[in-house]
Amino acid sequence: MQDTETLDNIARQAAADFQSKELTADDATLQLLFTEARTHYGWQDRTVKDETLRALYEIAKMGPTSMNQQPMRILFVRSENAKDRLEPALFEANRPKMRSAPVTAIIAHDLNFWEELPNVFPPNPDAQEIFKNNATAAQVNAFRNGTLQGAYVMLAARAVGLDVGAMSGFDNAKLDEEFFHGTSLKSNFLVNLGYADTSKIFRRLPRLDYETVCETI
């Protein structure tokens, strides 16, 4: 078994080798992930395979989080029974979107994510002590990093050929009572996943320009 210093040196060399390639995304990749991709509201009657969901996660998990916390948890809602349970928590306008989607991912975060820190952040074996008795710090970090991971999920879904429709129009407390009662998990937002019915979209809405959003000081 290789020691920590050897493993770190291997990782540094691999990162340097990768950086030296000076790769940038080609136009097709940018279109797939951002410039031509759309938020979708209608769905084809087409199954999303288990292996596709697994491939999605295997990509998304590689996105960075603070201290490698990885607080996101995902509940993939696919069965009719599970949809029946989810529907009452949704705002009325979002119910048909969820019902027609092959899968709806509940993007949640674990407030007790810190229990895994000895496994996922071995450089600091005492890292969990930062959060163990500090519920505020745990909540802030779980929400922030879980939200980041939810965004990675949407990009990863597009990368594996799925279409995406994120939703925040639902009652978090009602959803949490139904699916996460008695646990340390809290819902954040929903992502419908599948193969889009493109007849349901409308014109792309405006984005703010660089001058409005960005400043260099």
C-alpha atoms as a PDB file:
ATOM      1  CA  MET A   1       0.000   0.000   0.000  1.00  0.00           C
ATOM      2  CA  GLN A   2       1.425   3.379  -1.014  1.00  0.00           C
ATOM      3  CA  ASP A   3       1.924   6.044   1.638  1.00  0.00           C
ATOM      4  CA  THR A   4       0.193   9.414   1.656  1.00  0.00           C
ATOM      5  CA  GLU A   5       3.177  11.347   0.325  1.00  0.00           C
ATOM      6  CA  THR A   6       3.534   8.982  -2.637  1.00  0.00           C
ATOM      7  CA  LEU A   7      -0.175   9.236  -3.437  1.00  0.00           C
ATOM      8  CA  ASP A   8      -0.038  13.041  -3.220  1.00  0.00           C
ATOM      9  CA  ASN A   9       2.954  13.157  -5.562  1.00  0.00           C
ATOM     10  CA  ILE A  10       1.168  10.929  -8.067  1.00  0.00           C
ATOM     11  CA  ALA A  11      -1.873  13.197  -7.910  1.00  0.00           C
ATOM     12  CA  ARG A  12       0.244  16.329  -8.424  1.00  0.00           C
ATOM     13  CA  GLN A  13       1.965  14.840 -11.443  1.00  0.00           C
ATOM     14  CA  ALA A  14      -1.355  13.756 -12.923  1.00  0.00           C
ATOM     15  CA  ALA A  15      -2.766  17.264 -12.412  1.00  0.00           C
ATOM     16  CA  ALA A  16       0.309  18.841 -14.007  1.00  0.00           C
ATOM     17  CA  ASP A  17       0.090  16.473 -16.969  1.00  0.00           C
ATOM     18  CA  PHE A  18      -3.592  17.261 -17.412  1.00  0.00           C
ATOM     19  CA  GLN A  19      -3.002  21.023 -17.128  1.00  0.00           C
ATOM     20  CA  SER A  20      -0.260  20.851 -19.745  1.00  0.00           C
ATOM     21  CA  LYS A  21      -2.810  19.684 -22.321  1.00  0.00           C
ATOM     22  CA  GLU A  22      -4.458  23.142 -22.138  1.00  0.00           C
ATOM     23  CA  LEU A  23      -7.835  21.666 -22.972  1.00  0.00           C
ATOM     24  CA  THR A  24     -10.916  23.810 -23.522  1.00  0.00           C
ATOM     25  CA  ALA A  25     -14.464  22.725 -24.238  1.00  0.00           C
ATOM     26  CA  ASP A  26     -15.383  22.486 -27.900  1.00  0.00           C
ATOM     27  CA  ASP A  27     -18.488  24.162 -29.267  1.00  0.00           C
ATOM     28  CA  ALA A  28     -20.543  20.968 -29.233  1.00  0.00           C
ATOM     29  CA  THR A  29     -19.852  20.461 -25.523  1.00  0.00           C
ATOM     30  CA  LEU A  30     -20.765  24.061 -24.714  1.00  0.00           C
ATOM     31  CA  GLN A  31     -24.002  23.668 -26.649  1.00  0.00           C
ATOM     32  CA  LEU A  32     -24.822  20.423 -24.837  1.00  0.00           C
ATOM     33  CA  LEU A  33     -24.224  21.843 -21.374  1.00  0.00           C
ATOM     34  CA  PHE A  34     -25.107  25.529 -21.701  1.00  0.00           C
ATOM     35  CA  THR A  35     -25.718  27.506 -24.861  1.00  0.00           C
ATOM     36  CA  GLU A  36     -28.319  25.334 -26.617  1.00  0.00           C
ATOM     37  CA  ALA A  37     -29.562  23.332 -23.624  1.00  0.00           C
ATOM     38  CA  ARG A  38     -32.984  24.349 -22.330  1.00  0.00           C
ATOM     39  CA  THR A  39     -35.150  23.962 -19.257  1.00  0.00           C
ATOM     40  CA  HIS A  40     -37.907  21.527 -20.178  1.00  0.00           C
ATOM     41  CA  TYR A  41     -41.524  21.230 -19.075  1.00  0.00           C
ATOM     42  CA  GLY A  42     -42.859  18.303 -21.113  1.00  0.00           C
ATOM     43  CA  TRP A  43     -41.552  14.788 -21.533  1.00  0.00           C
ATOM     44  CA  GLN A  44     -41.591  11.881 -23.909  1.00  0.00           C
ATOM     45  CA  ASP A  45     -42.908   8.559 -22.666  1.00  0.00           C
ATOM     46  CA  ARG A  46     -39.431   7.090 -22.622  1.00  0.00           C
ATOM     47  CA  THR A  47     -37.748   5.256 -19.767  1.00  0.00           C
ATOM     48  CA  VAL A  48     -34.600   6.525 -18.071  1.00  0.00           C
ATOM     49  CA  LYS A  49     -32.457   3.495 -17.326  1.00  0.00           C
ATOM     50  CA  ASP A  50     -30.874   2.800 -13.945  1.00  0.00           C
ATOM     51  CA  GLU A  51     -27.440   2.764 -15.527  1.00  0.00           C
ATOM     52  CA  THR A  52     -28.036   6.260 -16.893  1.00  0.00           C
ATOM     53  CA  LEU A  53     -28.852   7.569 -13.426  1.00  0.00           C
ATOM     54  CA  ARG A  54     -25.761   5.871 -12.052  1.00  0.00           C
ATOM     55  CA  ALA A  55     -23.593   7.348 -14.833  1.00  0.00           C
ATOM     56  CA  LEU A  56     -25.054  10.772 -14.051  1.00  0.00           C
ATOM     57  CA  TYR A  57     -24.067  10.471 -10.402  1.00  0.00           C
ATOM     58  CA  GLU A  58     -20.584   9.142 -11.149  1.00  0.00           C
ATOM     59  CA  ILE A  59     -19.926  12.348 -13.102  1.00  0.00           C
ATOM     60  CA  ALA A  60     -21.642  14.738 -10.696  1.00  0.00           C
ATOM     61  CA  LYS A  61     -19.821  13.425  -7.617  1.00  0.00           C
ATOM     62  CA  MET A  62     -16.522  14.692  -9.016  1.00  0.00           C
ATOM     63  CA  GLY A  63     -17.539  18.355  -8.668  1.00  0.00           C
ATOM     64  CA  PRO A  64     -15.759  20.194  -5.836  1.00  0.00           C
ATOM     65  CA  THR A  65     -17.255  20.889  -2.415  1.00  0.00           C
ATOM     66  CA  SER A  66     -15.774  22.554   0.670  1.00  0.00           C
ATOM     67  CA  MET A  67     -13.573  20.091   2.547  1.00  0.00           C
ATOM     68  CA  ASN A  68     -14.914  17.425   0.175  1.00  0.00           C
ATOM     69  CA  GLN A  69     -18.086  17.454   2.299  1.00  0.00           C
ATOM     70  CA  GLN A  70     -20.427  15.961  -0.335  1.00  0.00           C
ATOM     71  CA  PRO A  71     -23.623  16.643   1.651  1.00  0.00           C
ATOM     72  CA  MET A  72     -26.005  16.081  -1.269  1.00  0.00           C
ATOM     73  CA  ARG A  73     -28.361  13.136  -1.171  1.00  0.00           C
ATOM     74  CA  ILE A  74     -30.637  12.230  -4.101  1.00  0.00           C
ATOM     75  CA  LEU A  75     -33.966  10.450  -4.056  1.00  0.00           C
ATOM     76  CA  PHE A  76     -34.992   9.440  -7.584  1.00  0.00           C
ATOM     77  CA  VAL A  77     -38.798   9.377  -7.784  1.00  0.00           C
ATOM     78  CA  ARG A  78     -39.915   7.094 -10.603  1.00  0.00           C
ATOM     79  CA  SER A  79     -42.717   4.752  -9.534  1.00  0.00           C
ATOM     80  CA  GLU A  80     -46.359   5.824  -9.663  1.00  0.00           C
ATOM     81  CA  ASN A  81     -46.646   5.224  -5.930  1.00  0.00           C
ATOM     82  CA  ALA A  82     -43.712   7.538  -5.231  1.00  0.00           C
ATOM     83  CA  LYS A  83     -45.189  10.189  -7.549  1.00  0.00           C
ATOM     84  CA  ASP A  84     -48.479   9.932  -5.663  1.00  0.00           C
ATOM     85  CA  ARG A  85     -46.588  10.683  -2.460  1.00  0.00           C
ATOM     86  CA  LEU A  86     -44.678  13.593  -3.998  1.00  0.00           C
ATOM     87  CA  GLU A  87     -47.575  15.290  -5.770  1.00  0.00           C
ATOM     88  CA  PRO A  88     -49.311  16.857  -2.716  1.00  0.00           C
ATOM     89  CA  ALA A  89     -46.149  18.811  -1.855  1.00  0.00           C
ATOM     90  CA  LEU A  90     -45.939  20.422  -5.302  1.00  0.00           C
ATOM     91  CA  PHE A  91     -47.564  23.667  -6.374  1.00  0.00           C
ATOM     92  CA  GLU A  92     -50.458  22.979  -8.718  1.00  0.00           C
ATOM     93  CA  ALA A  93     -48.669  24.187 -11.866  1.00  0.00           C
ATOM     94  CA  ASN A  94     -45.743  21.829 -11.260  1.00  0.00           C
ATOM     95  CA  ARG A  95     -47.754  18.648 -10.739  1.00  0.00           C
ATOM     96  CA  PRO A  96     -48.251  17.733 -14.410  1.00  0.00           C
ATOM     97  CA  LYS A  97     -44.578  18.411 -15.106  1.00  0.00           C
ATOM     98  CA  MET A  98     -43.579  15.949 -12.416  1.00  0.00           C
ATOM     99  CA  ARG A  99     -46.215  13.363 -13.392  1.00  0.00           C
ATOM    100  CA  SER A 100     -45.103  13.317 -17.021  1.00  0.00           C
ATOM    101  CA  ALA A 101     -41.357  13.187 -16.272  1.00  0.00           C
ATOM    102  CA  PRO A 102     -39.828   9.688 -16.253  1.00  0.00           C
ATOM    103  CA  VAL A 103     -37.852  10.590 -13.127  1.00  0.00           C
ATOM    104  CA  THR A 104     -37.915  13.436 -10.634  1.00  0.00           C
ATOM    105  CA  ALA A 105     -34.778  13.802  -8.537  1.00  0.00           C
ATOM    106  CA  ILE A 106     -35.263  15.217  -5.069  1.00  0.00           C
ATOM    107  CA  ILE A 107     -32.021  17.061  -4.412  1.00  0.00           C
ATOM    108  CA  ALA A 108     -31.517  17.010  -0.656  1.00  0.00           C
ATOM    109  CA  HIS A 109     -28.676  17.547   1.760  1.00  0.00           C
ATOM    110  CA  ASP A 110     -27.691  15.712   4.922  1.00  0.00           C
ATOM    111  CA  LEU A 111     -27.266  17.959   7.941  1.00  0.00           C
ATOM    112  CA  ASN A 112     -25.103  15.221   9.444  1.00  0.00           C
ATOM    113  CA  PHE A 113     -22.765  15.111   6.442  1.00  0.00           C
ATOM    114  CA  TRP A 114     -19.900  15.654   8.874  1.00  0.00           C
ATOM    115  CA  GLU A 115     -20.180  12.039  10.040  1.00  0.00           C
ATOM    116  CA  GLU A 116     -18.541  11.027   6.740  1.00  0.00           C
ATOM    117  CA  LEU A 117     -15.666  13.513   6.979  1.00  0.00           C
ATOM    118  CA  PRO A 118     -13.150  11.027   8.415  1.00  0.00           C
ATOM    119  CA  ASN A 119     -13.694   8.967   5.255  1.00  0.00           C
ATOM    120  CA  VAL A 120     -13.890  11.721   2.633  1.00  0.00           C
ATOM    121  CA  PHE A 121     -11.492  14.279   4.147  1.00  0.00           C
ATOM    122  CA  PRO A 122      -8.646  12.253   5.695  1.00  0.00           C
ATOM    123  CA  PRO A 123      -6.126  15.130   5.583  1.00  0.00           C
ATOM    124  CA  ASN A 124      -7.853  16.467   8.714  1.00  0.00           C
ATOM    125  CA  PRO A 125      -9.006  13.591  10.934  1.00  0.00           C
ATOM    126  CA  ASP A 126     -10.624  16.070  13.331  1.00  0.00           C
ATOM    127  CA  ALA A 127     -12.656  17.918  10.698  1.00  0.00           C
ATOM    128  CA  GLN A 128     -15.987  16.617  11.950  1.00  0.00           C
ATOM    129  CA  GLU A 129     -15.455  18.436  15.255  1.00  0.00           C
ATOM    130  CA  ILE A 130     -16.042  21.723  13.398  1.00  0.00           C
ATOM    131  CA  PHE A 131     -19.657  20.757  12.776  1.00  0.00           C
ATOM    132  CA  LYS A 132     -20.532  18.084  15.325  1.00  0.00           C
ATOM    133  CA  ASN A 133     -21.787  20.522  17.960  1.00  0.00           C
ATOM    134  CA  ASN A 134     -22.446  23.505  15.692  1.00  0.00           C
ATOM    135  CA  ALA A 135     -25.817  23.052  13.999  1.00  0.00           C
ATOM    136  CA  THR A 136     -25.645  26.471  12.320  1.00  0.00           C
ATOM    137  CA  ALA A 137     -22.315  25.765  10.643  1.00  0.00           C
ATOM    138  CA  ALA A 138     -23.523  22.322   9.598  1.00  0.00           C
ATOM    139  CA  GLN A 139     -26.725  23.734   8.083  1.00  0.00           C
ATOM    140  CA  VAL A 140     -24.934  26.508   6.181  1.00  0.00           C
ATOM    141  CA  ASN A 141     -22.338  24.149   4.755  1.00  0.00           C
ATOM    142  CA  ALA A 142     -24.841  21.413   3.937  1.00  0.00           C
ATOM    143  CA  PHE A 143     -27.106  23.824   2.080  1.00  0.00           C
ATOM    144  CA  ARG A 144     -24.322  25.641   0.226  1.00  0.00           C
ATOM    145  CA  ASN A 145     -22.429  22.573  -0.896  1.00  0.00           C
ATOM    146  CA  GLY A 146     -25.558  20.529  -1.498  1.00  0.00           C
ATOM    147  CA  THR A 147     -26.805  23.271  -3.819  1.00  0.00           C
ATOM    148  CA  LEU A 148     -23.495  23.223  -5.679  1.00  0.00           C
ATOM    149  CA  GLN A 149     -23.822  19.485  -6.097  1.00  0.00           C
ATOM    150  CA  GLY A 150     -27.372  19.855  -7.355  1.00  0.00           C
ATOM    151  CA  ALA A 151     -26.069  22.093 -10.133  1.00  0.00           C
ATOM    152  CA  TYR A 152     -23.457  19.473 -10.965  1.00  0.00           C
ATOM    153  CA  VAL A 153     -26.287  16.923 -11.237  1.00  0.00           C
ATOM    154  CA  MET A 154     -28.051  19.031 -13.868  1.00  0.00           C
ATOM    155  CA  LEU A 155     -24.904  19.417 -15.954  1.00  0.00           C
ATOM    156  CA  ALA A 156     -24.045  15.737 -15.568  1.00  0.00           C
ATOM    157  CA  ALA A 157     -27.569  14.817 -16.675  1.00  0.00           C
ATOM    158  CA  ARG A 158     -27.090  16.793 -19.870  1.00  0.00           C
ATOM    159  CA  ALA A 159     -23.675  15.187 -20.336  1.00  0.00           C
ATOM    160  CA  VAL A 160     -25.229  11.696 -20.368  1.00  0.00           C
ATOM    161  CA  GLY A 161     -27.940  12.694 -22.834  1.00  0.00           C
ATOM    162  CA  LEU A 162     -30.825  13.564 -20.525  1.00  0.00           C
ATOM    163  CA  ASP A 163     -32.918  16.699 -20.578  1.00  0.00           C
ATOM    164  CA  VAL A 164     -33.493  18.674 -17.400  1.00  0.00           C
ATOM    165  CA  GLY A 165     -36.266  20.684 -15.791  1.00  0.00           C
ATOM    166  CA  ALA A 166     -35.443  22.063 -12.341  1.00  0.00           C
ATOM    167  CA  MET A 167     -38.296  23.100 -10.034  1.00  0.00           C
ATOM    168  CA  SER A 168     -38.493  24.967  -6.747  1.00  0.00           C
ATOM    169  CA  GLY A 169     -42.280  25.358  -6.606  1.00  0.00           C
ATOM    170  CA  PHE A 170     -43.116  23.004  -3.745  1.00  0.00           C
ATOM    171  CA  ASP A 171     -43.546  22.862   0.017  1.00  0.00           C
ATOM    172  CA  ASN A 172     -40.201  21.723   1.450  1.00  0.00           C
ATOM    173  CA  ALA A 173     -41.637  20.987   4.883  1.00  0.00           C
ATOM    174  CA  LYS A 174     -44.416  18.814   3.464  1.00  0.00           C
ATOM    175  CA  LEU A 175     -41.978  16.945   1.219  1.00  0.00           C
ATOM    176  CA  ASP A 176     -39.534  16.390   4.071  1.00  0.00           C
ATOM    177  CA  GLU A 177     -42.306  15.045   6.304  1.00  0.00           C
ATOM    178  CA  GLU A 178     -43.330  12.567   3.623  1.00  0.00           C
ATOM    179  CA  PHE A 179     -39.909  11.328   2.521  1.00  0.00           C
ATOM    180  CA  PHE A 180     -37.337  12.255   5.176  1.00  0.00           C
ATOM    181  CA  HIS A 181     -39.245  12.147   8.475  1.00  0.00           C
ATOM    182  CA  GLY A 182     -36.972  11.181  11.355  1.00  0.00           C
ATOM    183  CA  THR A 183     -33.795  11.650   9.342  1.00  0.00           C
ATOM    184  CA  SER A 184     -31.158  14.377   9.041  1.00  0.00           C
ATOM    185  CA  LEU A 185     -32.030  15.006   5.368  1.00  0.00           C
ATOM    186  CA  LYS A 186     -33.619  18.218   4.106  1.00  0.00           C
ATOM    187  CA  SER A 187     -34.922  18.847   0.602  1.00  0.00           C
ATOM    188  CA  ASN A 188     -33.500  21.669  -1.528  1.00  0.00           C
ATOM    189  CA  PHE A 189     -35.017  21.539  -5.023  1.00  0.00           C
ATOM    190  CA  LEU A 190     -36.370  19.131  -7.619  1.00  0.00           C
ATOM    191  CA  VAL A 191     -35.032  18.165 -11.027  1.00  0.00           C
ATOM    192  CA  ASN A 192     -37.215  16.476 -13.625  1.00  0.00           C
ATOM    193  CA  LEU A 193     -35.141  14.157 -15.799  1.00  0.00           C
ATOM    194  CA  GLY A 194     -35.905  12.423 -19.056  1.00  0.00           C
ATOM    195  CA  TYR A 195     -36.162  12.997 -22.783  1.00  0.00           C
ATOM    196  CA  ALA A 196     -37.948  16.233 -23.547  1.00  0.00           C
ATOM    197  CA  ASP A 197     -41.069  16.909 -25.536  1.00  0.00           C
ATOM    198  CA  THR A 198     -39.680  20.020 -27.238  1.00  0.00           C
ATOM    199  CA  SER A 199     -43.137  21.222 -28.255  1.00  0.00           C
ATOM    200  CA  LYS A 200     -43.643  22.372 -24.650  1.00  0.00           C
ATOM    201  CA  ILE A 201     -40.830  24.947 -24.474  1.00  0.00           C
ATOM    202  CA  PHE A 202     -41.035  28.648 -25.287  1.00  0.00           C
ATOM    203  CA  ARG A 203     -38.579  31.317 -26.362  1.00  0.00           C
ATOM    204  CA  ARG A 204     -35.364  31.619 -24.364  1.00  0.00           C
ATOM    205  CA  LEU A 205     -35.638  34.385 -21.785  1.00  0.00           C
ATOM    206  CA  PRO A 206     -33.013  37.164 -21.528  1.00  0.00           C
ATOM    207  CA  ARG A 207     -29.787  36.771 -19.570  1.00  0.00           C
ATOM    208  CA  LEU A 208     -28.058  39.660 -17.824  1.00  0.00           C
ATOM    209  CA  ASP A 209     -24.986  40.983 -19.601  1.00  0.00           C
ATOM    210  CA  TYR A 210     -21.429  40.991 -18.317  1.00  0.00           C
ATOM    211  CA  GLU A 211     -21.438  44.685 -17.386  1.00  0.00           C
ATOM    212  CA  THR A 212     -24.526  44.282 -15.232  1.00  0.00           C
ATOM    213  CA  VAL A 213     -23.235  41.283 -13.317  1.00  0.00           C
ATOM    214  CA  CYS A 214     -19.447  41.456 -13.228  1.00  0.00           C
ATOM    215  CA  GLU A 215     -16.871  43.845 -11.831  1.00  0.00           C
ATOM    216  CA  THR A 216     -13.099  43.592 -11.516  1.00  0.00           C
ATOM    217  CA  ILE A 217     -11.422  45.517  -8.703  1.00  0.00           C
END
